[in-house]
């Protein structure tokens, strides 16, 4: 049952983590407003829920965001842009979110990532930012904006830092082709290296963590937590489990780094991917002791069940598209 006192504004609700968090909230009958660019697409994705309101618009529209923010106790900032559109767009939209949250002194939920730290073996909440890429520097700026706004008393911020996402409706080019490939008996692609341990988080589990943090109402104006998810022995081994669950023979395909460097000469998007190559050539691990102390009953979906749920979701999308 809902708490009845919360009202959530979700930005980026049709994306990876935003979708999972919205589903978690709706299951608990929370009041949820989704700002989406395409209302029809969102309605198809979520279906009918009595506590869900869909509003069509753009988060770059600061006045619209303020109007919606005035009604919210929590704003989920899951907005993202293609890599080559991060510059300016991400800062501008984050400023809009801050101004919207300031009206009601709402809590902003921000999904952090590991770009802030460059190449480091382990990351705790005390690890200082040391970005080595343009996108890492942008992420540091966004977090500084949010922290400053919280310290000025405009809002509260909970920054939950996570590794790579996977799960239902995770449609990025790194993850979705693996599940599509497994279902169709085609090669499951990965970039750079598929033979080293890799940290991943199943989005419904992360969504549960967000909801539990919402119920805690921390005293600090700005709180940061890491969420470690699960470390797979290798992407190749993980892909094999996915293919086995899908009932197909595993076929692996690794795209080498030089290919992205070459393609980056002609494509800004590929150039941006190449810049982030270090994340896939090395094992970088988030440590989440702080979160586990705060939420001792963190949910962890068993890997086989999570794979089955994700495959089932992709089958459903295939049927809709078919």
Foldseek 3Di string as FASTA:
>chain_A
DDPVPFAEEEECCLAFLNVLLVVVCLVNVHQYEYEAQDQVVVCVVPPDGPRYHYHHDDLLPLVVLLVVLLPGQEYEPPDDDQLVPCPPPVQSSLVSNLNSCLNVQHEYEYEAEDQQADDDAEDEPPRHGDHPDPVNVSSVVSVVVQVVSLVVSSHAYEYEYEYAEDFFSNPDPAHVQLLVCLLVQHAREHEADFQAKEFYAYSNLVSVLVVVVVVVPDPRRYHYFYDGHDIDRGNQVLSCLLSVLSVHHHHYDYHHLVVLVVVVVPDVSSVSVSRVCVNVNGYHTYDGPVSCVVPVPRDHDPSNVRSNNRSVSVVVVVVVVD
